[in-house]
Structure formats: C-alpha cells, structure tokens
Protein backbone atom coordinates (compact mmCIF):
# COMPACT_ATOMS: atom_id res chain seq x y z
CA MET A 1 -26.37 22.32 -78.30
CA THR A 2 -25.33 19.81 -75.65
CA LYS A 3 -22.98 21.24 -73.04
CA LYS A 4 -19.50 19.67 -73.04
CA VAL A 5 -19.03 17.41 -70.02
CA ARG A 6 -16.66 19.05 -67.54
CA VAL A 7 -16.51 17.71 -63.99
CA ARG A 8 -14.33 18.68 -61.06
CA PHE A 9 -12.98 17.33 -57.82
CA ALA A 10 -12.38 20.16 -55.38
CA PRO A 11 -10.59 18.95 -52.24
CA SER A 12 -9.32 21.05 -49.35
CA PRO A 13 -5.61 20.49 -48.60
CA THR A 14 -6.22 19.61 -44.97
CA GLY A 15 -4.89 16.05 -44.68
CA GLY A 16 -4.93 12.56 -46.11
CA LEU A 17 -7.41 11.51 -48.78
CA HIS A 18 -10.16 9.29 -47.37
CA LEU A 19 -11.41 6.50 -49.60
CA GLY A 20 -14.74 8.34 -49.87
CA GLY A 21 -12.88 11.23 -51.46
CA VAL A 22 -11.12 8.92 -53.89
CA ARG A 23 -14.47 7.37 -54.84
CA THR A 24 -15.81 10.87 -55.59
CA VAL A 25 -12.77 11.39 -57.84
CA LEU A 26 -13.39 8.03 -59.49
CA TYR A 27 -17.06 8.65 -60.26
CA ASN A 28 -16.20 12.10 -61.65
CA TYR A 29 -13.43 10.62 -63.76
CA LEU A 30 -15.51 7.69 -65.07
CA PHE A 31 -18.43 9.95 -65.96
CA ALA A 32 -16.18 12.45 -67.77
CA LYS A 33 -14.29 9.81 -69.74
CA HIS A 34 -17.47 7.88 -70.59
CA HIS A 35 -18.86 11.04 -72.17
CA GLY A 36 -15.60 12.16 -73.79
CA GLY A 37 -15.36 15.04 -71.32
CA GLU A 38 -12.76 16.62 -69.04
CA PHE A 39 -11.85 16.00 -65.42
CA ILE A 40 -10.59 18.99 -63.42
CA VAL A 41 -8.99 19.19 -59.98
CA ARG A 42 -9.47 22.51 -58.17
CA ILE A 43 -7.88 23.08 -54.77
CA GLU A 44 -10.25 24.73 -52.29
CA ASP A 45 -7.77 26.34 -49.92
CA THR A 46 -9.71 29.41 -48.86
CA ASP A 47 -9.72 28.35 -45.19
CA GLN A 48 -6.10 29.13 -44.40
CA THR A 49 -6.50 28.10 -40.75
CA ARG A 50 -6.98 24.47 -41.86
CA PHE A 51 -4.24 24.40 -44.50
CA VAL A 52 -1.75 21.55 -43.96
CA GLU A 53 1.70 21.56 -45.52
CA GLY A 54 2.17 18.71 -48.00
CA ALA A 55 -1.54 17.88 -48.30
CA GLU A 56 -1.91 19.16 -51.86
CA GLU A 57 1.12 17.17 -53.04
CA TYR A 58 -0.34 14.10 -51.27
CA ILE A 59 -3.63 14.52 -53.17
CA PHE A 60 -1.88 14.54 -56.53
CA ASN A 61 0.38 11.61 -55.57
CA THR A 62 -2.74 9.64 -54.66
CA LEU A 63 -4.47 10.41 -57.95
CA GLU A 64 -1.32 9.47 -59.86
CA TRP A 65 -1.09 6.13 -58.01
CA CYS A 66 -4.75 5.45 -58.80
CA GLY A 67 -4.27 6.30 -62.47
CA LEU A 68 -6.88 9.10 -62.30
CA VAL A 69 -4.90 11.88 -63.92
CA PRO A 70 -6.68 15.28 -64.25
CA ASP A 71 -6.98 17.09 -67.56
CA GLU A 72 -6.65 20.42 -65.72
CA SER A 73 -5.32 21.27 -62.25
CA PRO A 74 -2.77 23.47 -60.45
CA LYS A 75 -0.19 20.84 -61.38
CA HIS A 76 -1.29 20.19 -64.96
CA GLY A 77 -2.40 23.70 -65.94
CA GLY A 78 -5.34 24.52 -68.19
CA GLN A 79 -7.25 27.34 -69.86
CA PHE A 80 -9.18 28.24 -66.69
CA ALA A 81 -6.16 28.72 -64.41
CA PRO A 82 -5.49 29.42 -61.63
CA TYR A 83 -6.91 26.26 -60.05
CA ARG A 84 -6.22 27.19 -56.42
CA GLN A 85 -8.99 29.27 -54.88
CA SER A 86 -6.49 31.27 -52.80
CA GLU A 87 -5.05 32.53 -56.11
CA ARG A 88 -8.52 33.54 -57.32
CA LYS A 89 -9.31 35.63 -54.21
CA GLU A 90 -10.08 38.87 -56.05
CA SER A 91 -12.65 37.18 -58.31
CA TYR A 92 -15.10 36.51 -55.47
CA ARG A 93 -15.65 39.88 -53.77
CA LYS A 94 -17.44 41.49 -56.72
CA TYR A 95 -20.10 38.77 -56.64
CA ALA A 96 -20.61 39.10 -52.89
CA GLU A 97 -20.92 42.89 -53.25
CA GLU A 98 -23.32 42.45 -56.17
CA LEU A 99 -25.61 40.40 -53.93
CA VAL A 100 -25.44 43.07 -51.22
CA ALA A 101 -26.36 45.74 -53.80
CA LYS A 102 -29.36 43.63 -54.85
CA GLY A 103 -30.53 43.24 -51.24
CA LEU A 104 -29.77 39.50 -51.37
CA ALA A 105 -26.87 39.61 -48.90
CA TYR A 106 -25.69 41.92 -46.11
CA TYR A 107 -22.70 43.01 -44.05
CA ALA A 108 -22.48 41.45 -40.59
CA PHE A 109 -20.17 43.12 -38.05
CA ASP A 110 -20.76 40.71 -35.15
CA THR A 111 -17.54 39.87 -33.34
CA ALA A 112 -16.48 36.30 -32.53
CA GLU A 113 -17.16 37.07 -28.86
CA GLU A 114 -20.69 38.28 -29.61
CA LEU A 115 -21.43 35.17 -31.65
CA ASP A 116 -20.05 32.90 -28.89
CA ALA A 117 -22.26 34.66 -26.36
CA LYS A 118 -25.31 34.05 -28.57
CA ARG A 119 -24.44 30.36 -28.89
CA LYS A 120 -24.19 30.04 -25.13
CA GLU A 121 -27.41 31.94 -24.65
CA THR A 122 -29.41 29.99 -27.26
CA ALA A 123 -29.06 26.24 -27.86
CA ASN A 124 -28.41 25.40 -31.54
CA PHE A 125 -28.22 29.09 -32.39
CA GLN A 126 -28.49 29.86 -36.10
CA TYR A 127 -27.86 33.20 -37.77
CA SER A 128 -30.99 33.31 -39.93
CA HIS A 129 -34.19 35.16 -40.74
CA ALA A 130 -35.34 34.43 -37.18
CA THR A 131 -32.33 36.05 -35.46
CA ARG A 132 -30.70 38.45 -37.93
CA ASN A 133 -32.69 41.49 -36.75
CA ALA A 134 -31.23 41.14 -33.26
CA MET A 135 -27.66 41.09 -34.53
CA ASN A 136 -25.11 43.70 -35.55
CA ASN A 137 -25.51 43.92 -39.32
CA SER A 138 -26.42 46.26 -42.17
CA LEU A 139 -30.05 45.08 -42.11
CA VAL A 140 -30.42 46.59 -38.62
CA LEU A 141 -28.02 49.54 -38.80
CA GLU A 142 -28.80 52.79 -40.58
CA ALA A 143 -27.08 53.19 -43.93
CA ASP A 144 -24.74 55.91 -42.64
CA GLU A 145 -23.74 53.75 -39.64
CA THR A 146 -22.92 50.88 -41.98
CA LYS A 147 -20.86 53.23 -44.20
CA LYS A 148 -18.90 54.54 -41.20
CA LEU A 149 -18.04 51.01 -40.08
CA LEU A 150 -16.93 50.07 -43.59
CA ASP A 151 -14.89 53.27 -43.98
CA ALA A 152 -13.21 52.55 -40.63
CA ASN A 153 -12.20 49.08 -41.90
CA THR A 154 -14.25 47.42 -39.16
CA PRO A 155 -14.02 43.65 -39.66
CA TYR A 156 -17.13 42.16 -41.25
CA VAL A 157 -18.43 39.17 -43.15
CA ILE A 158 -20.99 39.11 -45.94
CA ARG A 159 -23.93 36.78 -45.34
CA VAL A 160 -26.54 35.57 -47.80
CA LYS A 161 -30.09 36.76 -47.05
CA LEU A 162 -32.61 33.96 -47.45
CA GLU A 163 -36.26 34.70 -46.77
CA PRO A 164 -38.37 32.02 -45.02
CA HIS A 165 -41.22 29.94 -46.49
CA GLN A 166 -39.71 29.77 -49.97
CA GLU A 167 -39.46 26.48 -51.84
CA ILE A 168 -36.18 25.68 -53.53
CA LYS A 169 -35.93 22.54 -55.61
CA PHE A 170 -33.65 20.84 -58.09
CA THR A 171 -33.32 17.49 -59.84
CA ASP A 172 -30.55 15.32 -58.47
CA LEU A 173 -29.17 12.85 -61.03
CA ILE A 174 -29.22 10.10 -58.38
CA ARG A 175 -32.08 11.06 -56.06
CA GLY A 176 -34.54 12.69 -58.44
CA GLU A 177 -36.55 15.75 -57.40
CA VAL A 178 -35.32 17.30 -54.13
CA HIS A 179 -37.26 20.04 -52.28
CA PHE A 180 -36.18 22.46 -49.54
CA ASP A 181 -38.01 24.97 -47.35
CA THR A 182 -35.81 28.04 -46.79
CA THR A 183 -37.30 28.45 -43.33
CA GLN A 184 -34.81 25.80 -42.15
CA VAL A 185 -31.78 27.39 -43.86
CA ASP A 186 -29.40 29.78 -42.10
CA ASP A 187 -27.76 32.89 -43.55
CA LYS A 188 -24.44 31.34 -44.59
CA VAL A 189 -21.30 33.45 -44.62
CA LEU A 190 -20.24 34.08 -48.23
CA LEU A 191 -17.18 36.28 -47.72
CA LYS A 192 -15.04 36.08 -44.58
CA ALA A 193 -13.39 38.92 -42.71
CA ASP A 194 -10.03 38.14 -44.36
CA GLY A 195 -11.58 38.64 -47.80
CA MET A 196 -11.55 34.94 -48.59
CA PRO A 197 -14.79 33.36 -49.82
CA THR A 198 -16.40 30.45 -48.04
CA TYR A 199 -17.08 27.22 -49.89
CA HIS A 200 -20.66 28.35 -50.57
CA LEU A 201 -19.69 31.36 -52.68
CA ALA A 202 -16.46 30.01 -54.15
CA VAL A 203 -17.94 26.74 -55.43
CA VAL A 204 -20.63 28.60 -57.35
CA VAL A 205 -18.35 31.28 -58.78
CA ASP A 206 -15.65 28.78 -59.79
CA ASP A 207 -18.05 26.24 -61.28
CA TYR A 208 -19.43 29.04 -63.43
CA ALA A 209 -16.00 30.40 -64.37
CA MET A 210 -14.67 26.93 -65.24
CA GLN A 211 -17.82 25.94 -67.19
CA ILE A 212 -18.48 22.89 -65.01
CA SER A 213 -21.35 20.86 -66.47
CA HIS A 214 -21.87 18.29 -63.70
CA ALA A 215 -21.06 18.49 -59.99
CA PHE A 216 -20.75 15.31 -57.92
CA ARG A 217 -20.28 15.47 -54.16
CA GLY A 218 -21.14 13.55 -51.02
CA GLU A 219 -24.71 13.57 -49.71
CA GLU A 220 -23.54 15.42 -46.59
CA TRP A 221 -23.57 18.55 -48.79
CA LEU A 222 -27.31 18.27 -49.53
CA PRO A 223 -28.31 20.69 -46.70
CA SER A 224 -26.16 23.38 -48.36
CA ALA A 225 -27.84 22.94 -51.74
CA PRO A 226 -30.55 25.61 -51.18
CA VAL A 227 -27.91 28.31 -50.67
CA HIS A 228 -26.00 27.23 -53.77
CA ILE A 229 -29.13 27.09 -55.94
CA PHE A 230 -30.12 30.54 -54.65
CA LEU A 231 -26.69 31.92 -55.59
CA TRP A 232 -26.79 30.31 -59.02
CA ASP A 233 -30.23 31.76 -59.64
CA LYS A 234 -29.34 35.29 -58.56
CA LEU A 235 -25.82 35.52 -59.99
CA PHE A 236 -25.67 33.45 -63.16
CA GLY A 237 -29.11 32.02 -63.91
CA LEU A 238 -30.26 28.47 -63.22
CA GLU A 239 -29.87 27.55 -66.88
CA ASN A 240 -26.08 27.79 -66.36
CA MET A 241 -26.04 25.68 -63.20
CA PRO A 242 -24.31 22.28 -63.38
CA GLN A 243 -26.40 19.16 -63.03
CA TRP A 244 -25.86 17.80 -59.54
CA ALA A 245 -25.48 14.33 -58.12
CA HIS A 246 -25.13 13.75 -54.39
CA LEU A 247 -23.29 10.50 -53.86
CA PRO A 248 -24.21 8.02 -51.10
CA LEU A 249 -21.95 7.74 -48.07
CA ILE A 250 -19.47 4.94 -47.47
CA LEU A 251 -20.67 3.44 -44.21
CA LYS A 252 -19.00 1.65 -41.32
CA PRO A 253 -18.86 -2.16 -41.71
CA ASP A 254 -21.96 -2.52 -39.52
CA GLY A 255 -23.77 0.11 -41.61
CA ASN A 256 -24.21 2.41 -38.62
CA GLY A 257 -22.93 5.80 -39.75
CA LYS A 258 -20.26 7.21 -42.04
CA LEU A 259 -16.92 5.39 -42.19
CA SER A 260 -14.16 7.37 -40.47
CA LYS A 261 -10.44 7.10 -39.85
CA ARG A 262 -11.22 6.13 -36.24
CA ASP A 263 -13.18 3.11 -37.51
CA GLY A 264 -10.15 2.00 -39.50
CA ASP A 265 -7.88 2.43 -36.46
CA ARG A 266 -10.34 0.52 -34.29
CA LEU A 267 -10.97 -2.35 -36.72
CA GLY A 268 -7.47 -2.61 -38.20
CA PHE A 269 -7.89 -1.53 -41.80
CA PRO A 270 -6.84 1.58 -43.78
CA VAL A 271 -9.28 4.29 -44.83
CA PHE A 272 -6.73 6.52 -46.59
CA ALA A 273 -5.48 5.71 -50.10
CA MET A 274 -1.81 6.16 -49.17
CA ASP A 275 0.26 6.65 -46.03
CA TRP A 276 -0.23 10.09 -44.54
CA LYS A 277 1.84 11.72 -41.81
CA ASP A 278 0.20 14.76 -40.27
CA PRO A 279 2.95 17.40 -39.95
CA ARG A 280 1.10 19.07 -37.08
CA THR A 281 0.86 16.00 -34.87
CA ASN A 282 3.35 13.58 -36.49
CA GLU A 283 0.52 11.03 -36.45
CA GLN A 284 1.11 8.34 -39.08
CA THR A 285 -1.87 6.82 -40.91
CA THR A 286 -1.42 3.70 -43.04
CA GLY A 287 -2.80 3.68 -46.56
CA PHE A 288 -4.14 1.00 -48.89
CA LYS A 289 -1.04 1.30 -51.07
CA GLU A 290 1.35 0.56 -48.22
CA ARG A 291 -0.82 -2.30 -46.98
CA GLY A 292 -0.09 -3.99 -50.31
CA PHE A 293 -3.09 -3.06 -52.45
CA LEU A 294 -2.75 -2.73 -56.19
CA PRO A 295 -4.19 0.50 -57.61
CA GLU A 296 -6.29 -1.56 -60.07
CA ALA A 297 -7.87 -3.45 -57.16
CA PHE A 298 -8.37 -0.34 -55.04
CA ILE A 299 -10.17 1.44 -57.89
CA ASN A 300 -12.21 -1.65 -58.76
CA MET A 301 -13.29 -2.06 -55.14
CA LEU A 302 -14.22 1.62 -54.79
CA ALA A 303 -16.29 1.59 -57.99
CA MET A 304 -18.42 -1.23 -56.59
CA LEU A 305 -19.03 0.64 -53.31
CA GLY A 306 -22.25 2.29 -54.41
CA TRP A 307 -22.47 1.28 -58.08
CA ASN A 308 -22.97 -1.88 -60.11
CA SER A 309 -22.98 -2.63 -63.81
CA GLY A 310 -26.27 -4.54 -63.73
CA SER A 311 -24.43 -7.80 -64.40
CA GLU A 312 -22.72 -10.46 -62.30
CA GLN A 313 -19.30 -9.11 -63.27
CA GLU A 314 -17.23 -7.75 -60.38
CA ILE A 315 -13.69 -7.50 -61.75
CA PHE A 316 -13.28 -4.47 -64.02
CA THR A 317 -10.32 -2.72 -65.55
CA LEU A 318 -10.39 1.08 -65.55
CA ASP A 319 -11.25 1.05 -69.27
CA GLU A 320 -14.13 -1.34 -68.63
CA LEU A 321 -15.40 0.89 -65.81
CA ILE A 322 -15.29 3.90 -68.14
CA GLU A 323 -17.29 1.98 -70.74
CA LYS A 324 -19.92 0.66 -68.30
CA PHE A 325 -20.32 3.57 -65.85
CA SER A 326 -23.63 5.38 -65.58
CA LEU A 327 -25.15 7.48 -62.81
CA GLU A 328 -28.43 5.57 -63.21
CA ARG A 329 -26.78 2.61 -61.51
CA VAL A 330 -25.34 4.56 -58.57
CA HIS A 331 -27.27 3.59 -55.43
CA LYS A 332 -29.21 6.11 -53.38
CA GLY A 333 -28.40 4.38 -50.09
CA GLY A 334 -25.01 4.20 -48.37
CA ALA A 335 -22.60 1.34 -49.07
CA LYS A 336 -21.13 -0.67 -46.18
CA PHE A 337 -17.37 -0.98 -46.34
CA ASP A 338 -16.21 -4.60 -46.10
CA PHE A 339 -12.46 -5.03 -45.71
CA GLU A 340 -12.65 -8.76 -46.42
CA LYS A 341 -14.28 -7.94 -49.77
CA ALA A 342 -11.57 -5.35 -50.42
CA LYS A 343 -8.95 -8.04 -49.80
CA TRP A 344 -10.81 -10.35 -52.18
CA PHE A 345 -10.58 -7.74 -54.94
CA ASN A 346 -6.85 -7.39 -54.35
CA HIS A 347 -6.29 -11.15 -54.38
CA GLU A 348 -8.24 -11.47 -57.63
CA TRP A 349 -6.20 -8.70 -59.24
CA ILE A 350 -2.87 -10.21 -58.17
CA LYS A 351 -4.02 -13.47 -59.75
CA LYS A 352 -5.26 -11.64 -62.86
CA LEU A 353 -2.14 -9.59 -63.62
CA ASP A 354 0.70 -11.13 -65.57
CA VAL A 355 4.22 -11.47 -64.20
CA GLY A 356 5.45 -8.38 -66.04
CA SER A 357 2.79 -6.20 -64.41
CA LEU A 358 3.73 -7.39 -60.91
CA LYS A 359 7.49 -7.59 -61.28
CA PHE A 360 8.36 -3.94 -60.60
CA GLU A 361 6.41 -3.89 -57.32
CA VAL A 362 7.89 -7.23 -56.21
CA GLU A 363 11.42 -6.05 -57.01
CA LYS A 364 10.86 -2.88 -54.94
CA LEU A 365 9.47 -4.96 -52.09
CA PHE A 366 12.42 -7.37 -52.18
CA ALA A 367 14.93 -4.51 -52.22
CA THR A 368 13.27 -3.01 -49.12
CA ASN A 369 13.48 -6.39 -47.37
CA ASN A 370 17.11 -7.10 -48.39
CA ILE A 371 16.17 -10.02 -50.63
CA ILE A 372 18.84 -10.21 -53.31
CA VAL A 373 17.76 -11.36 -56.77
CA HIS A 374 20.57 -12.23 -59.19
CA ASN A 375 18.48 -14.05 -61.78
CA THR A 376 15.48 -12.13 -63.15
CA GLU A 377 14.33 -15.13 -65.17
CA LYS A 378 14.10 -17.06 -61.93
CA LEU A 379 12.15 -14.19 -60.37
CA ASP A 380 9.64 -14.37 -63.23
CA LYS A 381 9.09 -18.07 -62.53
CA VAL A 382 8.78 -17.47 -58.79
CA ILE A 383 6.17 -14.73 -59.24
CA ALA A 384 4.23 -16.97 -61.64
CA ILE A 385 3.93 -19.85 -59.17
CA THR A 386 3.38 -17.80 -55.99
CA LYS A 387 1.08 -14.95 -57.04
CA ASP A 388 -2.12 -16.96 -56.62
CA ARG A 389 -1.22 -17.32 -52.94
CA CYS A 390 -0.83 -13.60 -52.27
CA THR A 391 -3.65 -11.41 -50.99
CA PHE A 392 -1.40 -8.36 -50.72
CA ILE A 393 1.72 -7.41 -52.68
CA ASN A 394 3.57 -7.55 -49.34
CA ASP A 395 2.72 -11.27 -49.11
CA PHE A 396 5.40 -11.96 -51.73
CA VAL A 397 7.98 -11.56 -48.94
CA GLN A 398 6.67 -14.63 -47.13
CA GLN A 399 5.52 -16.52 -50.21
CA ALA A 400 8.63 -16.01 -52.33
CA SER A 401 11.68 -14.91 -50.31
CA TYR A 402 12.79 -18.49 -49.54
CA PHE A 403 13.51 -18.99 -53.24
CA PHE A 404 16.37 -16.51 -52.91
CA LYS A 405 17.69 -17.08 -49.41
CA THR A 406 17.69 -19.90 -46.88
CA PRO A 407 14.82 -19.49 -44.36
CA GLU A 408 16.04 -17.89 -41.14
CA THR A 409 13.60 -19.94 -39.08
CA VAL A 410 12.18 -23.43 -39.58
CA ASP A 411 8.89 -24.63 -38.07
CA ILE A 412 10.38 -27.79 -36.56
CA ALA A 413 7.31 -28.13 -34.34
CA ALA A 414 5.25 -28.89 -37.45
CA ILE A 415 7.40 -31.95 -38.17
CA GLN A 416 8.25 -33.35 -34.73
CA PRO A 417 4.91 -34.92 -33.62
CA LYS A 418 4.99 -37.55 -36.40
CA TRP A 419 8.74 -37.74 -36.89
CA ASP A 420 10.45 -41.11 -36.40
CA GLU A 421 13.63 -42.97 -37.32
CA LYS A 422 12.07 -44.37 -40.46
CA LYS A 423 11.45 -40.88 -41.82
CA HIS A 424 14.92 -39.80 -40.78
CA THR A 425 16.38 -42.68 -42.79
CA PHE A 426 14.21 -41.80 -45.79
CA PHE A 427 15.39 -38.20 -45.97
CA SER A 428 19.02 -39.22 -45.41
CA GLU A 429 18.76 -41.55 -48.40
CA LEU A 430 16.87 -38.89 -50.41
CA VAL A 431 19.87 -36.59 -49.94
CA THR A 432 22.15 -39.30 -51.35
CA VAL A 433 19.84 -39.90 -54.33
CA TRP A 434 19.50 -36.19 -55.17
CA GLU A 435 23.20 -35.47 -54.71
CA SER A 436 23.95 -37.90 -57.53
CA ASP A 437 20.84 -37.46 -59.67
CA PHE A 438 18.88 -34.20 -59.37
CA SER A 439 16.54 -33.40 -62.24
CA ALA A 440 15.56 -29.94 -63.43
CA ASP A 441 12.04 -31.30 -63.92
CA ALA A 442 9.61 -31.21 -60.99
CA MET A 443 7.72 -34.29 -62.16
CA ALA A 444 10.94 -36.33 -62.34
CA LEU A 445 11.87 -35.27 -58.80
CA GLU A 446 8.43 -36.27 -57.58
CA GLN A 447 8.74 -39.70 -59.22
CA GLN A 448 12.14 -40.27 -57.55
CA PHE A 449 10.66 -39.20 -54.23
CA LYS A 450 7.68 -41.54 -54.49
CA ALA A 451 9.78 -44.45 -55.73
CA LEU A 452 12.10 -44.14 -52.73
CA ALA A 453 9.12 -43.91 -50.37
CA GLU A 454 7.67 -47.07 -51.89
CA THR A 455 10.92 -49.05 -51.48
CA GLN A 456 11.02 -47.98 -47.83
CA GLN A 457 7.32 -48.73 -47.39
CA ILE A 458 6.36 -45.23 -46.27
CA LYS A 459 3.34 -43.37 -47.60
CA ALA A 460 4.60 -40.50 -49.74
CA GLY A 461 1.83 -38.28 -48.36
CA GLU A 462 3.33 -38.52 -44.87
CA LEU A 463 6.65 -37.20 -46.19
CA MET A 464 5.40 -34.19 -48.11
CA LEU A 465 4.89 -31.88 -45.11
CA PRO A 466 8.40 -32.50 -43.68
CA LEU A 467 9.92 -31.84 -47.12
CA ARG A 468 7.96 -28.61 -47.48
CA VAL A 469 9.04 -27.37 -44.05
CA MET A 470 12.65 -28.29 -44.80
CA LEU A 471 12.68 -26.26 -48.02
CA VAL A 472 10.37 -23.37 -47.13
CA GLY A 473 10.60 -23.09 -43.35
CA GLY A 474 6.85 -23.48 -42.81
CA LYS A 475 3.59 -25.00 -44.00
CA PHE A 476 3.02 -22.85 -47.07
CA GLY A 477 4.10 -22.35 -50.65
CA PRO A 478 3.38 -23.79 -54.10
CA GLY A 479 4.21 -27.30 -55.30
CA VAL A 480 7.16 -28.54 -53.25
CA PHE A 481 8.98 -30.12 -56.22
CA ASP A 482 8.58 -26.88 -58.18
CA ILE A 483 10.27 -25.19 -55.23
CA ALA A 484 13.12 -27.72 -55.30
CA VAL A 485 13.72 -27.16 -59.02
CA LEU A 486 13.84 -23.38 -58.62
CA ILE A 487 16.16 -23.30 -55.59
CA GLY A 488 18.38 -25.92 -57.22
CA LYS A 489 20.18 -29.09 -56.20
CA GLU A 490 22.75 -27.63 -53.80
CA GLU A 491 20.29 -25.49 -51.84
CA THR A 492 17.66 -28.27 -51.73
CA VAL A 493 20.12 -30.83 -50.37
CA ASN A 494 21.63 -28.38 -47.86
CA ARG A 495 18.25 -27.38 -46.47
CA ILE A 496 17.26 -31.02 -45.96
CA LYS A 497 20.58 -31.72 -44.24
CA ASN A 498 20.23 -28.69 -41.96
CA VAL A 499 16.76 -29.75 -40.75
CA LEU A 500 17.87 -33.38 -40.30
CA ALA A 501 20.60 -32.10 -38.02
CA LEU A 502 18.04 -30.18 -35.99
CA LEU A 503 15.84 -33.28 -35.70
CA SER A 504 18.67 -35.61 -34.63
C-alpha cells in the first residue's frame, strides 16, 4: 500500500524567514497538494538560547501572506499534536536512553571548559571515534563511575556512537544515490544537558511520530544525513524512513556562495518575505511584501528558483504550480537570485491581475499616504489604466495619486527649455476652449487639442509633454487625455492655469 504523502516544514523560531526557507515551504506544499497529501508545520524550538520572541507568529503570518496554509501546526492543530518540540520534550529521552542501552550512544560528562580547551589545543577538533577515548564519557569510565555521576545529577549529554569505515547510503529524490563514509562523521550530541533533544534526534523521532513520508530540506543538511540514517535504522527501521530530497541553495547574484541577509543589505534588495524587527537588537529588515511585491508574484518567482516546468511558461498561479510540480524537474545545482527578474515577475502579475484583485491593496496604500478617494468607480478606472506602469504595488502612489489630488510639485524644468510665447498662447486658448466645451470622452478632447494646435500652426507632438507635466507633475502616466477625463474639467483647467502662472 502506498504511504500517504505527509510533508513538513520545521523552522526554528529564531528570526525572520529567509526566501530560501519560504521556497522550502513552497516545494513541500506543492508536492503535498500535487499528491493529495498533507502539509505540516512543526516548530523546532529545542534550542531555547536562540529563541526569539515573536518569531513563531512571524512565520505563520508569512505563510498566510503567501497563501501556503498548513493542514496541521501549533496554530491549526492536528491529530499528531503537540507541534512544538519544546512541548514534546519527554518523548525524546527514552529513545536516547534506548540507544545507550544498545551501545549505540553514550553519556559524555565533558564540561564546556574542557571542550573549549580541546578546541584550542587541536585545530578543527571533532568529538568522534578518533578522540572519544581521551574524553570524559561512559565509554572510558567504569560502569560504577558512570552510575555515580548520573546518581549525583552531574550534567551530561548523550552522544551518538558511530564507528569508522562504515558506508551509509540513501537515495535522494533530487541527487540520486548518495554515499557517506562514517570515518568523517563526528559523534553528534543527541540529548543536551537540559534534557532537550538536538535537531538530530528530534527530527528523526518527530518524523516517525508524525508519519512523515517525504522530507525536503536544504543541501546544507547533507553532512548530517549519515547520523539521521543511522538513527532511523537503529530506532525505527529504514523501511519507515521518509524519502529525502536535499534542495539546491539560493545563491548570491554572482553565483558565489549562499544568498544571505548581508547580500540583500549590500545590494539593496530584500531577502526576507516580510518586514522583521529583531527584538534583541531592534534591527529592522525590509521584506518583499513591504517593498510592494504581490504574494502571487513572490511565490511564482520562488518556484522558478531551482525548478522549471519543462516548457517556456514562466507565469504560474498557485493552482498551476500544484498541477505541474515534480521533484524530477528540481535542479541539482544552486539557483542565482536575480532581483531584476523578481521585479519582472511582480510587474507581470500586477498587469495580469484584474482591478478587483488589486483594489484592496491600493486602497490600503492610499490610506497610508493620505490619498483620499471619494469615488470608488473612479478608482477602478484609475487602477485599470495605471497598473501596467507599476512594478511594485507601492508604485501606485506615484502613478495614480495625481488623479485624486493636485500634484504638490511640478517638473517645470522639463517644460522650460522649449517653452515660448507661442506655446503660452496655445495653452491660454486651450483653457478658454475647455472651460466652455469639455468632453467626457478622451478622443474628443484629443481632437479639440489637435485642431487648436493646427489653427495655431504648432505641432501637436510638441505640446503633449507640457500638457502631461501640467496635469501629472512629471513625465509619466498613461494617456494624457484619459487623465484629463478622469480628473475632470475643473481640475484640468486649474492645473493648466497654475503651471502657466509659474511659466509667466
């Protein structure tokens, strides 16, 4: 019988969610939904020293914005609760002790000071088969000495015991057959002195308990795979182990190394999904959402960073991604992040979405920028004719605000070099014409404009830029006569008069 597809994203609540983390969520989600399975979020908060207040809430807010809602999580509940590892603390010790009883793990009583001394003494020190017999642990101590230390509540950790020269292998769904030599693997800590498990033990125990069928994670976790396979083999049997896929890294724009927050700061683009303020340092990090990205575009862009459908298509809805997604088309190599391409996706999505889908975000944006909208029908028309000019949602402030309020500044310098008395006379007469006969049809206004230009023997093309600047304040915007119709007769005439006064 085929195992039901159950995948999980297991973040640590230690800060903002990097776009690499969101892509891991996305690939999990797409795979689960493609196969009619379930997507679980499990919070790995066993390292209490790194816990950051508000980080868990931020993770769920990010997933909600992206439209990647879990089927089970601490927030959504589920039959395998609890979904925070700190609340499952008691479930891990028995497995660590079972490994000790089988001779596959051991108690290590080394103090932090002793371990620091070893690191200073030996470059790149590893606690492993090569060094364990010179350390303070139950492999070296007599059984009664070990018992005395345990009875005296002497702090200890439990470490896995991996023998050298063993081959461990597994089939990665992206990379194929992967082999490891245990000689290179250290004796990872499984249970810490505070009784909390490390990632290595907890991920195996929880994946088993929650019946996870497939585990996707970044390729940086590949070196830990031998320990996890060993634990699966000895605790639960390899036949119960999830199928693994180690995802390629998202690389810096030049391809040289993993993309980091510092790269974003240095090059001027976000790497977090949403704004994040670190409560420990008060450092503020800008997110894609606040930069004006649509969630549809953000998700679309992330999907294409390491995967393709095998066709020329680049714009996908979430439903289309679910339908098309397959691990066979996930690349083995890292994907270079290109912010210009990310902007292209956003621009395409703003163009693609209808007015109704954009209206809520534009209304919020206008409210934040004190742009008062009295006529929602007018707003619909404005969004329709300006959206193709917006790369970010925030661009609607520049591209559309002048429809609702007179521009505070006017780029007079754009008009002055070619301005003369003849043009001044033209616009003065245009005001007179439009005051008495102003059509609600853009084409009719354009015909009036061109007819007047012809009678005054001026090329209409030379008059278009001044008119645009008069109405908009700068050299941008959609069709200038469409603008005039939407702002209306009184506002059109007043704006022309105001600029004529400035040019006098």
